[in-house]
Amino acid sequence: MSTYQRLDPIERDEATTLLESTDNRVLAETILRLALHDPDAQWVTSRALALFENPDADVRNNAATALGHIARIHRSIDRERVVPALQHLQRDPKTMGRAEDALDDIAIFAPPGSGTFNAG
């Protein structure tokens, strides 16, 4: 059974510091807080994609979920970078489900031609 956890907004400076943490729970929560509340979808997308390199599956799963949130909230996503990265996560049984969920969110909320942004 999962429990609801409130994910409050976070200041960029604090988030940047927390994303350097070695505590995987901190990383996993921080990327979700950013995805839900930070207005700079490009910046958050880059941070989420960087977390795909983390060895902890929970961190990678939350990074994938964050990308789905970005697509839902902003109605756009950097498809050229995000879709292949999520497809790569689909190959791992530990991250396959969340990667598929994020790809579904992208297909629904940020389909091709929907004002896709390009992260810099």
PDB file of N, CA and C in Angstrom:
ATOM      1  N   MET A   1       0.841  -1.168   0.000  1.00  0.00           N
ATOM      2  CA  MET A   1       0.000   0.000   0.000  1.00  0.00           C
ATOM      3  C   MET A   1       0.892   1.239   0.000  1.00  0.00           C
ATOM      4  N   SER A   2       0.596   2.170  -0.872  1.00  0.00           N
ATOM      5  CA  SER A   2       1.364   3.407  -0.884  1.00  0.00           C
ATOM      6  C   SER A   2       0.583   4.481  -0.142  1.00  0.00           C
ATOM      7  N   THR A   3       1.306   5.422   0.396  1.00  0.00           N
ATOM      8  CA  THR A   3       0.667   6.498   1.127  1.00  0.00           C
ATOM      9  C   THR A   3       0.908   7.806   0.395  1.00  0.00           C
ATOM     10  N   TYR A   4      -0.043   8.714   0.566  1.00  0.00           N
ATOM     11  CA  TYR A   4       0.084  10.020  -0.052  1.00  0.00           C
ATOM     12  C   TYR A   4       1.110  10.833   0.705  1.00  0.00           C
ATOM     13  N   GLN A   5       1.997  11.471  -0.031  1.00  0.00           N
ATOM     14  CA  GLN A   5       2.990  12.349   0.573  1.00  0.00           C
ATOM     15  C   GLN A   5       2.879  13.705  -0.100  1.00  0.00           C
ATOM     16  N   ARG A   6       2.703  14.725   0.690  1.00  0.00           N
ATOM     17  CA  ARG A   6       2.608  16.075   0.146  1.00  0.00           C
ATOM     18  C   ARG A   6       3.981  16.509  -0.369  1.00  0.00           C
ATOM     19  N   LEU A   7       4.001  16.995  -1.581  1.00  0.00           N
ATOM     20  CA  LEU A   7       5.249  17.440  -2.205  1.00  0.00           C
ATOM     21  C   LEU A   7       5.167  18.948  -2.429  1.00  0.00           C
ATOM     22  N   ASP A   8       5.679  19.684  -1.460  1.00  0.00           N
ATOM     23  CA  ASP A   8       5.617  21.138  -1.487  1.00  0.00           C
ATOM     24  C   ASP A   8       6.603  21.722  -2.491  1.00  0.00           C
ATOM     25  N   PRO A   9       6.351  22.970  -2.902  1.00  0.00           N
ATOM     26  CA  PRO A   9       7.315  23.663  -3.766  1.00  0.00           C
ATOM     27  C   PRO A   9       8.670  23.760  -3.081  1.00  0.00           C
ATOM     28  N   ILE A  10       9.692  23.931  -3.902  1.00  0.00           N
ATOM     29  CA  ILE A  10      11.053  24.007  -3.394  1.00  0.00           C
ATOM     30  C   ILE A  10      11.787  25.112  -4.145  1.00  0.00           C
ATOM     31  N   GLU A  11      12.587  25.869  -3.415  1.00  0.00           N
ATOM     32  CA  GLU A  11      13.392  26.921  -4.041  1.00  0.00           C
ATOM     33  C   GLU A  11      14.498  26.288  -4.876  1.00  0.00           C
ATOM     34  N   ARG A  12      14.848  26.923  -5.957  1.00  0.00           N
ATOM     35  CA  ARG A  12      15.844  26.392  -6.873  1.00  0.00           C
ATOM     36  C   ARG A  12      17.193  26.148  -6.183  1.00  0.00           C
ATOM     37  N   ASP A  13      17.640  27.088  -5.350  1.00  0.00           N
ATOM     38  CA  ASP A  13      18.931  26.922  -4.670  1.00  0.00           C
ATOM     39  C   ASP A  13      18.922  25.688  -3.767  1.00  0.00           C
ATOM     40  N   GLU A  14      17.835  25.521  -3.029  1.00  0.00           N
ATOM     41  CA  GLU A  14      17.737  24.355  -2.157  1.00  0.00           C
ATOM     42  C   GLU A  14      17.705  23.074  -2.982  1.00  0.00           C
ATOM     43  N   ALA A  15      16.936  23.088  -4.063  1.00  0.00           N
ATOM     44  CA  ALA A  15      16.830  21.907  -4.918  1.00  0.00           C
ATOM     45  C   ALA A  15      18.183  21.532  -5.512  1.00  0.00           C
ATOM     46  N   THR A  16      18.918  22.530  -5.958  1.00  0.00           N
ATOM     47  CA  THR A  16      20.234  22.273  -6.548  1.00  0.00           C
ATOM     48  C   THR A  16      21.147  21.589  -5.532  1.00  0.00           C
ATOM     49  N   THR A  17      21.102  22.059  -4.309  1.00  0.00           N
ATOM     50  CA  THR A  17      21.902  21.442  -3.246  1.00  0.00           C
ATOM     51  C   THR A  17      21.433  20.015  -2.977  1.00  0.00           C
ATOM     52  N   LEU A  18      20.124  19.827  -2.882  1.00  0.00           N
ATOM     53  CA  LEU A  18      19.589  18.493  -2.584  1.00  0.00           C
ATOM     54  C   LEU A  18      19.868  17.496  -3.704  1.00  0.00           C
ATOM     55  N   LEU A  19      19.921  17.972  -4.945  1.00  0.00           N
ATOM     56  CA  LEU A  19      20.205  17.070  -6.063  1.00  0.00           C
ATOM     57  C   LEU A  19      21.649  16.589  -6.081  1.00  0.00           C
ATOM     58  N   GLU A  20      22.475  17.138  -5.225  1.00  0.00           N
ATOM     59  CA  GLU A  20      23.850  16.660  -5.072  1.00  0.00           C
ATOM     60  C   GLU A  20      23.978  15.676  -3.917  1.00  0.00           C
ATOM     61  N   SER A  21      22.870  15.375  -3.271  1.00  0.00           N
ATOM     62  CA  SER A  21      22.857  14.474  -2.129  1.00  0.00           C
ATOM     63  C   SER A  21      23.218  13.053  -2.540  1.00  0.00           C
ATOM     64  N   THR A  22      23.715  12.295  -1.582  1.00  0.00           N
ATOM     65  CA  THR A  22      23.944  10.867  -1.793  1.00  0.00           C
ATOM     66  C   THR A  22      22.784  10.046  -1.248  1.00  0.00           C
ATOM     67  N   ASP A  23      21.798  10.720  -0.686  1.00  0.00           N
ATOM     68  CA  ASP A  23      20.611  10.053  -0.139  1.00  0.00           C
ATOM     69  C   ASP A  23      19.588   9.908  -1.263  1.00  0.00           C
ATOM     70  N   ASN A  24      19.367   8.688  -1.693  1.00  0.00           N
ATOM     71  CA  ASN A  24      18.473   8.434  -2.824  1.00  0.00           C
ATOM     72  C   ASN A  24      17.037   8.873  -2.551  1.00  0.00           C
ATOM     73  N   ARG A  25      16.591   8.793  -1.323  1.00  0.00           N
ATOM     74  CA  ARG A  25      15.226   9.246  -0.999  1.00  0.00           C
ATOM     75  C   ARG A  25      15.107  10.756  -1.201  1.00  0.00           C
ATOM     76  N   VAL A  26      16.158  11.480  -0.845  1.00  0.00           N
ATOM     77  CA  VAL A  26      16.168  12.935  -1.043  1.00  0.00           C
ATOM     78  C   VAL A  26      16.125  13.252  -2.535  1.00  0.00           C
ATOM     79  N   LEU A  27      16.921  12.557  -3.325  1.00  0.00           N
ATOM     80  CA  LEU A  27      16.941  12.774  -4.776  1.00  0.00           C
ATOM     81  C   LEU A  27      15.571  12.495  -5.388  1.00  0.00           C
ATOM     82  N   ALA A  28      14.977  11.372  -5.007  1.00  0.00           N
ATOM     83  CA  ALA A  28      13.698  10.956  -5.576  1.00  0.00           C
ATOM     84  C   ALA A  28      12.591  11.963  -5.252  1.00  0.00           C
ATOM     85  N   GLU A  29      12.581  12.471  -4.027  1.00  0.00           N
ATOM     86  CA  GLU A  29      11.560  13.453  -3.640  1.00  0.00           C
ATOM     87  C   GLU A  29      11.816  14.804  -4.293  1.00  0.00           C
ATOM     88  N   THR A  30      13.062  15.217  -4.344  1.00  0.00           N
ATOM     89  CA  THR A  30      13.395  16.538  -4.890  1.00  0.00           C
ATOM     90  C   THR A  30      12.992  16.662  -6.346  1.00  0.00           C
ATOM     91  N   ILE A  31      13.240  15.641  -7.159  1.00  0.00           N
ATOM     92  CA  ILE A  31      12.903  15.760  -8.582  1.00  0.00           C
ATOM     93  C   ILE A  31      11.388  15.847  -8.774  1.00  0.00           C
ATOM     94  N   LEU A  32      10.633  15.171  -7.933  1.00  0.00           N
ATOM     95  CA  LEU A  32       9.175  15.280  -8.041  1.00  0.00           C
ATOM     96  C   LEU A  32       8.694  16.660  -7.615  1.00  0.00           C
ATOM     97  N   ARG A  33       9.266  17.195  -6.558  1.00  0.00           N
ATOM     98  CA  ARG A  33       8.892  18.542  -6.112  1.00  0.00           C
ATOM     99  C   ARG A  33       9.186  19.569  -7.213  1.00  0.00           C
ATOM    100  N   LEU A  34      10.313  19.418  -7.859  1.00  0.00           N
ATOM    101  CA  LEU A  34      10.645  20.322  -8.958  1.00  0.00           C
ATOM    102  C   LEU A  34       9.662  20.173 -10.116  1.00  0.00           C
ATOM    103  N   ALA A  35       9.395  18.941 -10.498  1.00  0.00           N
ATOM    104  CA  ALA A  35       8.507  18.704 -11.645  1.00  0.00           C
ATOM    105  C   ALA A  35       7.118  19.281 -11.402  1.00  0.00           C
ATOM    106  N   LEU A  36       6.651  19.198 -10.187  1.00  0.00           N
ATOM    107  CA  LEU A  36       5.304  19.672  -9.870  1.00  0.00           C
ATOM    108  C   LEU A  36       5.216  21.182  -9.696  1.00  0.00           C
ATOM    109  N   HIS A  37       6.320  21.833  -9.353  1.00  0.00           N
ATOM    110  CA  HIS A  37       6.215  23.236  -8.962  1.00  0.00           C
ATOM    111  C   HIS A  37       7.143  24.214  -9.672  1.00  0.00           C
ATOM    112  N   ASP A  38       8.250  23.778 -10.225  1.00  0.00           N
ATOM    113  CA  ASP A  38       9.180  24.720 -10.851  1.00  0.00           C
ATOM    114  C   ASP A  38       8.647  25.096 -12.234  1.00  0.00           C
ATOM    115  N   PRO A  39       8.611  26.388 -12.549  1.00  0.00           N
ATOM    116  CA  PRO A  39       8.052  26.807 -13.837  1.00  0.00           C
ATOM    117  C   PRO A  39       8.963  26.566 -15.037  1.00  0.00           C
ATOM    118  N   ASP A  40      10.233  26.245 -14.795  1.00  0.00           N
ATOM    119  CA  ASP A  40      11.185  26.064 -15.896  1.00  0.00           C
ATOM    120  C   ASP A  40      11.278  24.589 -16.280  1.00  0.00           C
ATOM    121  N   ALA A  41      10.396  24.183 -17.175  1.00  0.00           N
ATOM    122  CA  ALA A  41      10.321  22.777 -17.580  1.00  0.00           C
ATOM    123  C   ALA A  41      11.631  22.286 -18.189  1.00  0.00           C
ATOM    124  N   GLN A  42      12.327  23.146 -18.909  1.00  0.00           N
ATOM    125  CA  GLN A  42      13.585  22.749 -19.529  1.00  0.00           C
ATOM    126  C   GLN A  42      14.629  22.400 -18.469  1.00  0.00           C
ATOM    127  N   TRP A  43      14.734  23.249 -17.471  1.00  0.00           N
ATOM    128  CA  TRP A  43      15.716  23.038 -16.411  1.00  0.00           C
ATOM    129  C   TRP A  43      15.417  21.751 -15.650  1.00  0.00           C
ATOM    130  N   VAL A  44      14.151  21.540 -15.309  1.00  0.00           N
ATOM    131  CA  VAL A  44      13.766  20.340 -14.566  1.00  0.00           C
ATOM    132  C   VAL A  44      13.969  19.090 -15.424  1.00  0.00           C
ATOM    133  N   THR A  45      13.665  19.179 -16.700  1.00  0.00           N
ATOM    134  CA  THR A  45      13.876  18.044 -17.601  1.00  0.00           C
ATOM    135  C   THR A  45      15.337  17.621 -17.598  1.00  0.00           C
ATOM    136  N   SER A  46      16.229  18.565 -17.684  1.00  0.00           N
ATOM    137  CA  SER A  46      17.666  18.238 -17.670  1.00  0.00           C
ATOM    138  C   SER A  46      18.062  17.561 -16.370  1.00  0.00           C
ATOM    139  N   ARG A  47      17.518  18.023 -15.252  1.00  0.00           N
ATOM    140  CA  ARG A  47      17.834  17.413 -13.953  1.00  0.00           C
ATOM    141  C   ARG A  47      17.267  15.990 -13.873  1.00  0.00           C
ATOM    142  N   ALA A  48      16.071  15.792 -14.392  1.00  0.00           N
ATOM    143  CA  ALA A  48      15.463  14.458 -14.373  1.00  0.00           C
ATOM    144  C   ALA A  48      16.263  13.491 -15.235  1.00  0.00           C
ATOM    145  N   LEU A  49      16.647  13.926 -16.410  1.00  0.00           N
ATOM    146  CA  LEU A  49      17.428  13.058 -17.300  1.00  0.00           C
ATOM    147  C   LEU A  49      18.775  12.696 -16.677  1.00  0.00           C
ATOM    148  N   ALA A  50      19.377  13.625 -15.970  1.00  0.00           N
ATOM    149  CA  ALA A  50      20.653  13.330 -15.299  1.00  0.00           C
ATOM    150  C   ALA A  50      20.472  12.236 -14.255  1.00  0.00           C
ATOM    151  N   LEU A  51      19.315  12.182 -13.624  1.00  0.00           N
ATOM    152  CA  LEU A  51      19.064  11.165 -12.602  1.00  0.00           C
ATOM    153  C   LEU A  51      18.863   9.773 -13.200  1.00  0.00           C
ATOM    154  N   PHE A  52      18.677   9.673 -14.491  1.00  0.00           N
ATOM    155  CA  PHE A  52      18.579   8.356 -15.130  1.00  0.00           C
ATOM    156  C   PHE A  52      19.884   7.581 -14.997  1.00  0.00           C
ATOM    157  N   GLU A  53      20.960   8.261 -14.688  1.00  0.00           N
ATOM    158  CA  GLU A  53      22.260   7.610 -14.505  1.00  0.00           C
ATOM    159  C   GLU A  53      22.447   7.072 -13.085  1.00  0.00           C
ATOM    160  N   ASN A  54      21.527   7.398 -12.189  1.00  0.00           N
ATOM    161  CA  ASN A  54      21.646   6.959 -10.803  1.00  0.00           C
ATOM    162  C   ASN A  54      21.454   5.448 -10.731  1.00  0.00           C
ATOM    163  N   PRO A  55      22.261   4.744  -9.933  1.00  0.00           N
ATOM    164  CA  PRO A  55      22.127   3.291  -9.849  1.00  0.00           C
ATOM    165  C   PRO A  55      20.864   2.822  -9.112  1.00  0.00           C
ATOM    166  N   ASP A  56      20.212   3.700  -8.375  1.00  0.00           N
ATOM    167  CA  ASP A  56      19.026   3.315  -7.608  1.00  0.00           C
ATOM    168  C   ASP A  56      17.769   3.384  -8.478  1.00  0.00           C
ATOM    169  N   ALA A  57      17.050   2.276  -8.569  1.00  0.00           N
ATOM    170  CA  ALA A  57      15.864   2.214  -9.419  1.00  0.00           C
ATOM    171  C   ALA A  57      14.775   3.180  -8.962  1.00  0.00           C
ATOM    172  N   ASP A  58      14.639   3.415  -7.655  1.00  0.00           N
ATOM    173  CA  ASP A  58      13.622   4.351  -7.180  1.00  0.00           C
ATOM    174  C   ASP A  58      13.902   5.772  -7.676  1.00  0.00           C
ATOM    175  N   VAL A  59      15.151   6.155  -7.694  1.00  0.00           N
ATOM    176  CA  VAL A  59      15.517   7.476  -8.200  1.00  0.00           C
ATOM    177  C   VAL A  59      15.188   7.568  -9.687  1.00  0.00           C
ATOM    178  N   ARG A  60      15.573   6.550 -10.451  1.00  0.00           N
ATOM    179  CA  ARG A  60      15.271   6.544 -11.890  1.00  0.00           C
ATOM    180  C   ARG A  60      13.769   6.543 -12.142  1.00  0.00           C
ATOM    181  N   ASN A  61      13.028   5.779 -11.332  1.00  0.00           N
ATOM    182  CA  ASN A  61      11.572   5.743 -11.470  1.00  0.00           C
ATOM    183  C   ASN A  61      10.950   7.106 -11.198  1.00  0.00           C
ATOM    184  N   ASN A  62      11.392   7.784 -10.148  1.00  0.00           N
ATOM    185  CA  ASN A  62      10.841   9.100  -9.852  1.00  0.00           C
ATOM    186  C   ASN A  62      11.238  10.118 -10.912  1.00  0.00           C
ATOM    187  N   ALA A  63      12.416   9.977 -11.477  1.00  0.00           N
ATOM    188  CA  ALA A  63      12.820  10.874 -12.563  1.00  0.00           C
ATOM    189  C   ALA A  63      11.911  10.670 -13.781  1.00  0.00           C
ATOM    190  N   ALA A  64      11.568   9.427 -14.069  1.00  0.00           N
ATOM    191  CA  ALA A  64      10.642   9.145 -15.174  1.00  0.00           C
ATOM    192  C   ALA A  64       9.266   9.739 -14.873  1.00  0.00           C
ATOM    193  N   THR A  65       8.788   9.554 -13.661  1.00  0.00           N
ATOM    194  CA  THR A  65       7.493  10.121 -13.263  1.00  0.00           C
ATOM    195  C   THR A  65       7.525  11.637 -13.387  1.00  0.00           C
ATOM    196  N   ALA A  66       8.647  12.244 -12.999  1.00  0.00           N
ATOM    197  CA  ALA A  66       8.783  13.694 -13.104  1.00  0.00           C
ATOM    198  C   ALA A  66       8.612  14.155 -14.548  1.00  0.00           C
ATOM    199  N   LEU A  67       9.166  13.414 -15.483  1.00  0.00           N
ATOM    200  CA  LEU A  67       9.033  13.781 -16.896  1.00  0.00           C
ATOM    201  C   LEU A  67       7.581  13.671 -17.354  1.00  0.00           C
ATOM    202  N   GLY A  68       6.871  12.686 -16.856  1.00  0.00           N
ATOM    203  CA  GLY A  68       5.444  12.595 -17.159  1.00  0.00           C
ATOM    204  C   GLY A  68       4.681  13.781 -16.596  1.00  0.00           C
ATOM    205  N   HIS A  69       5.037  14.202 -15.386  1.00  0.00           N
ATOM    206  CA  HIS A  69       4.403  15.387 -14.789  1.00  0.00           C
ATOM    207  C   HIS A  69       4.687  16.635 -15.624  1.00  0.00           C
ATOM    208  N   ILE A  70       5.919  16.772 -16.088  1.00  0.00           N
ATOM    209  CA  ILE A  70       6.271  17.932 -16.906  1.00  0.00           C
ATOM    210  C   ILE A  70       5.402  17.973 -18.157  1.00  0.00           C
ATOM    211  N   ALA A  71       5.251  16.837 -18.817  1.00  0.00           N
ATOM    212  CA  ALA A  71       4.410  16.784 -20.018  1.00  0.00           C
ATOM    213  C   ALA A  71       2.968  17.160 -19.687  1.00  0.00           C
ATOM    214  N   ARG A  72       2.471  16.666 -18.583  1.00  0.00           N
ATOM    215  CA  ARG A  72       1.078  16.936 -18.188  1.00  0.00           C
ATOM    216  C   ARG A  72       0.878  18.400 -17.811  1.00  0.00           C
ATOM    217  N   ILE A  73       1.780  18.941 -17.039  1.00  0.00           N
ATOM    218  CA  ILE A  73       1.624  20.304 -16.534  1.00  0.00           C
ATOM    219  C   ILE A  73       1.908  21.350 -17.613  1.00  0.00           C
ATOM    220  N   HIS A  74       2.974  21.164 -18.365  1.00  0.00           N
ATOM    221  CA  HIS A  74       3.407  22.166 -19.338  1.00  0.00           C
ATOM    222  C   HIS A  74       2.887  21.911 -20.747  1.00  0.00           C
ATOM    223  N   ARG A  75       2.325  20.719 -20.956  1.00  0.00           N
ATOM    224  CA  ARG A  75       1.801  20.347 -22.271  1.00  0.00           C
ATOM    225  C   ARG A  75       2.871  20.373 -23.350  1.00  0.00           C
ATOM    226  N   SER A  76       4.125  20.172 -22.917  1.00  0.00           N
ATOM    227  CA  SER A  76       5.242  20.091 -23.861  1.00  0.00           C
ATOM    228  C   SER A  76       6.385  19.346 -23.176  1.00  0.00           C
ATOM    229  N   ILE A  77       7.295  18.848 -23.994  1.00  0.00           N
ATOM    230  CA  ILE A  77       8.454  18.102 -23.484  1.00  0.00           C
ATOM    231  C   ILE A  77       9.505  18.073 -24.588  1.00  0.00           C
ATOM    232  N   ASP A  78      10.737  17.947 -24.220  1.00  0.00           N
ATOM    233  CA  ASP A  78      11.823  17.819 -25.196  1.00  0.00           C
ATOM    234  C   ASP A  78      11.844  16.367 -25.691  1.00  0.00           C
ATOM    235  N   ARG A  79      10.996  16.093 -26.660  1.00  0.00           N
ATOM    236  CA  ARG A  79      10.805  14.722 -27.143  1.00  0.00           C
ATOM    237  C   ARG A  79      12.102  14.092 -27.655  1.00  0.00           C
ATOM    238  N   GLU A  80      12.951  14.877 -28.291  1.00  0.00           N
ATOM    239  CA  GLU A  80      14.185  14.324 -28.871  1.00  0.00           C
ATOM    240  C   GLU A  80      15.103  13.733 -27.811  1.00  0.00           C
ATOM    241  N   ARG A  81      15.104  14.299 -26.627  1.00  0.00           N
ATOM    242  CA  ARG A  81      15.944  13.783 -25.549  1.00  0.00           C
ATOM    243  C   ARG A  81      15.177  12.840 -24.629  1.00  0.00           C
ATOM    244  N   VAL A  82      13.944  13.168 -24.341  1.00  0.00           N
ATOM    245  CA  VAL A  82      13.189  12.447 -23.318  1.00  0.00           C
ATOM    246  C   VAL A  82      12.693  11.085 -23.800  1.00  0.00           C
ATOM    247  N   VAL A  83      12.106  11.030 -24.971  1.00  0.00           N
ATOM    248  CA  VAL A  83      11.525   9.760 -25.439  1.00  0.00           C
ATOM    249  C   VAL A  83      12.579   8.651 -25.548  1.00  0.00           C
ATOM    250  N   PRO A  84      13.728   8.884 -26.189  1.00  0.00           N
ATOM    251  CA  PRO A  84      14.734   7.812 -26.234  1.00  0.00           C
ATOM    252  C   PRO A  84      15.237   7.406 -24.844  1.00  0.00           C
ATOM    253  N   ALA A  85      15.371   8.373 -23.951  1.00  0.00           N
ATOM    254  CA  ALA A  85      15.833   8.053 -22.597  1.00  0.00           C
ATOM    255  C   ALA A  85      14.814   7.176 -21.871  1.00  0.00           C
ATOM    256  N   LEU A  86      13.547   7.491 -22.028  1.00  0.00           N
ATOM    257  CA  LEU A  86      12.509   6.665 -21.405  1.00  0.00           C
ATOM    258  C   LEU A  86      12.433   5.278 -22.065  1.00  0.00           C
ATOM    259  N   GLN A  87      12.618   5.231 -23.365  1.00  0.00           N
ATOM    260  CA  GLN A  87      12.625   3.931 -24.048  1.00  0.00           C
ATOM    261  C   GLN A  87      13.774   3.063 -23.539  1.00  0.00           C
ATOM    262  N   HIS A  88      14.891   3.690 -23.218  1.00  0.00           N
ATOM    263  CA  HIS A  88      16.013   2.950 -22.638  1.00  0.00           C
ATOM    264  C   HIS A  88      15.627   2.393 -21.259  1.00  0.00           C
ATOM    265  N   LEU A  89      14.931   3.188 -20.460  1.00  0.00           N
ATOM    266  CA  LEU A  89      14.485   2.707 -19.144  1.00  0.00           C
ATOM    267  C   LEU A  89      13.494   1.549 -19.260  1.00  0.00           C
ATOM    268  N   GLN A  90      12.766   1.498 -20.353  1.00  0.00           N
ATOM    269  CA  GLN A  90      11.811   0.402 -20.559  1.00  0.00           C
ATOM    270  C   GLN A  90      12.503  -0.954 -20.632  1.00  0.00           C
ATOM    271  N   ARG A  91      13.772  -0.985 -20.937  1.00  0.00           N
ATOM    272  CA  ARG A  91      14.500  -2.253 -21.068  1.00  0.00           C
ATOM    273  C   ARG A  91      14.843  -2.871 -19.718  1.00  0.00           C
ATOM    274  N   ASP A  92      14.714  -2.089 -18.652  1.00  0.00           N
ATOM    275  CA  ASP A  92      15.031  -2.555 -17.302  1.00  0.00           C
ATOM    276  C   ASP A  92      13.731  -2.905 -16.587  1.00  0.00           C
ATOM    277  N   PRO A  93      13.566  -4.154 -16.148  1.00  0.00           N
ATOM    278  CA  PRO A  93      12.328  -4.532 -15.469  1.00  0.00           C
ATOM    279  C   PRO A  93      12.020  -3.678 -14.237  1.00  0.00           C
ATOM    280  N   LYS A  94      13.056  -3.123 -13.613  1.00  0.00           N
ATOM    281  CA  LYS A  94      12.850  -2.310 -12.410  1.00  0.00           C
ATOM    282  C   LYS A  94      12.285  -0.923 -12.728  1.00  0.00           C
ATOM    283  N   THR A  95      12.439  -0.475 -13.960  1.00  0.00           N
ATOM    284  CA  THR A  95      11.977   0.862 -14.326  1.00  0.00           C
ATOM    285  C   THR A  95      10.989   0.853 -15.492  1.00  0.00           C
ATOM    286  N   MET A  96      10.711  -0.303 -16.018  1.00  0.00           N
ATOM    287  CA  MET A  96       9.859  -0.419 -17.195  1.00  0.00           C
ATOM    288  C   MET A  96       8.484   0.223 -16.994  1.00  0.00           C
ATOM    289  N   GLY A  97       7.834  -0.053 -15.885  1.00  0.00           N
ATOM    290  CA  GLY A  97       6.476   0.437 -15.655  1.00  0.00           C
ATOM    291  C   GLY A  97       6.392   1.949 -15.605  1.00  0.00           C
ATOM    292  N   ARG A  98       7.294   2.567 -14.863  1.00  0.00           N
ATOM    293  CA  ARG A  98       7.272   4.025 -14.750  1.00  0.00           C
ATOM    294  C   ARG A  98       7.656   4.686 -16.064  1.00  0.00           C
ATOM    295  N   ALA A  99       8.574   4.067 -16.798  1.00  0.00           N
ATOM    296  CA  ALA A  99       8.946   4.610 -18.107  1.00  0.00           C
ATOM    297  C   ALA A  99       7.749   4.561 -19.046  1.00  0.00           C
ATOM    298  N   GLU A 100       7.025   3.462 -19.029  1.00  0.00           N
ATOM    299  CA  GLU A 100       5.831   3.342 -19.871  1.00  0.00           C
ATOM    300  C   GLU A 100       4.774   4.356 -19.472  1.00  0.00           C
ATOM    301  N   ASP A 101       4.581   4.552 -18.168  1.00  0.00           N
ATOM    302  CA  ASP A 101       3.616   5.554 -17.699  1.00  0.00           C
ATOM    303  C   ASP A 101       3.991   6.949 -18.195  1.00  0.00           C
ATOM    304  N   ALA A 102       5.275   7.287 -18.099  1.00  0.00           N
ATOM    305  CA  ALA A 102       5.734   8.603 -18.553  1.00  0.00           C
ATOM    306  C   ALA A 102       5.541   8.759 -20.059  1.00  0.00           C
ATOM    307  N   LEU A 103       5.853   7.719 -20.815  1.00  0.00           N
ATOM    308  CA  LEU A 103       5.639   7.773 -22.268  1.00  0.00           C
ATOM    309  C   LEU A 103       4.156   7.930 -22.595  1.00  0.00           C
ATOM    310  N   ASP A 104       3.286   7.280 -21.832  1.00  0.00           N
ATOM    311  CA  ASP A 104       1.847   7.455 -22.021  1.00  0.00           C
ATOM    312  C   ASP A 104       1.438   8.902 -21.738  1.00  0.00           C
ATOM    313  N   ASP A 105       1.966   9.477 -20.655  1.00  0.00           N
ATOM    314  CA  ASP A 105       1.657  10.878 -20.340  1.00  0.00           C
ATOM    315  C   ASP A 105       2.106  11.801 -21.464  1.00  0.00           C
ATOM    316  N   ILE A 106       3.273  11.542 -22.002  1.00  0.00           N
ATOM    317  CA  ILE A 106       3.783  12.358 -23.106  1.00  0.00           C
ATOM    318  C   ILE A 106       2.874  12.223 -24.324  1.00  0.00           C
ATOM    319  N   ALA A 107       2.461  11.001 -24.637  1.00  0.00           N
ATOM    320  CA  ALA A 107       1.587  10.780 -25.792  1.00  0.00           C
ATOM    321  C   ALA A 107       0.243  11.496 -25.625  1.00  0.00           C
ATOM    322  N   ILE A 108      -0.263  11.525 -24.406  1.00  0.00           N
ATOM    323  CA  ILE A 108      -1.564  12.150 -24.148  1.00  0.00           C
ATOM    324  C   ILE A 108      -1.458  13.666 -24.047  1.00  0.00           C
ATOM    325  N   PHE A 109      -0.511  14.148 -23.265  1.00  0.00           N
ATOM    326  CA  PHE A 109      -0.457  15.563 -22.921  1.00  0.00           C
ATOM    327  C   PHE A 109       0.507  16.403 -23.753  1.00  0.00           C
ATOM    328  N   ALA A 110       1.467  15.772 -24.409  1.00  0.00           N
ATOM    329  CA  ALA A 110       2.446  16.504 -25.222  1.00  0.00           C
ATOM    330  C   ALA A 110       2.753  15.734 -26.507  1.00  0.00           C
ATOM    331  N   PRO A 111       1.717  15.452 -27.292  1.00  0.00           N
ATOM    332  CA  PRO A 111       1.947  14.684 -28.522  1.00  0.00           C
ATOM    333  C   PRO A 111       2.781  15.495 -29.512  1.00  0.00           C
ATOM    334  N   PRO A 112       3.329  14.832 -30.528  1.00  0.00           N
ATOM    335  CA  PRO A 112       4.124  15.551 -31.531  1.00  0.00           C
ATOM    336  C   PRO A 112       3.344  16.746 -32.079  1.00  0.00           C
ATOM    337  N   GLY A 113       4.033  17.861 -32.219  1.00  0.00           N
ATOM    338  CA  GLY A 113       3.404  19.058 -32.757  1.00  0.00           C
ATOM    339  C   GLY A 113       2.619  19.865 -31.740  1.00  0.00           C
ATOM    340  N   SER A 114       2.786  19.544 -30.451  1.00  0.00           N
ATOM    341  CA  SER A 114       1.993  20.233 -29.426  1.00  0.00           C
ATOM    342  C   SER A 114       2.746  21.368 -28.751  1.00  0.00           C
ATOM    343  N   GLY A 115       3.702  21.948 -29.422  1.00  0.00           N
ATOM    344  CA  GLY A 115       4.453  23.037 -28.807  1.00  0.00           C
ATOM    345  C   GLY A 115       5.636  22.524 -28.005  1.00  0.00           C
ATOM    346  N   THR A 116       6.256  21.479 -28.504  1.00  0.00           N
ATOM    347  CA  THR A 116       7.383  20.865 -27.830  1.00  0.00           C
ATOM    348  C   THR A 116       8.511  21.866 -27.647  1.00  0.00           C
ATOM    349  N   PHE A 117       9.066  21.911 -26.439  1.00  0.00           N
ATOM    350  CA  PHE A 117      10.205  22.800 -26.209  1.00  0.00           C
ATOM    351  C   PHE A 117      11.483  22.027 -26.418  1.00  0.00           C
ATOM    352  N   ASN A 118      12.542  22.741 -26.616  1.00  0.00           N
ATOM    353  CA  ASN A 118      13.870  22.156 -26.735  1.00  0.00           C
ATOM    354  C   ASN A 118      14.688  22.607 -25.548  1.00  0.00           C
ATOM    355  N   ALA A 119      15.148  21.655 -24.744  1.00  0.00           N
ATOM    356  CA  ALA A 119      15.957  21.992 -23.574  1.00  0.00           C
ATOM    357  C   ALA A 119      17.340  22.421 -24.018  1.00  0.00           C
ATOM    358  N   GLY A 120      17.876  23.338 -23.297  1.00  0.00           N
ATOM    359  CA  GLY A 120      19.207  23.819 -23.622  1.00  0.00           C
ATOM    360  C   GLY A 120      20.207  23.496 -22.585  1.00  0.00           C
TER     361      GLY A 120
END
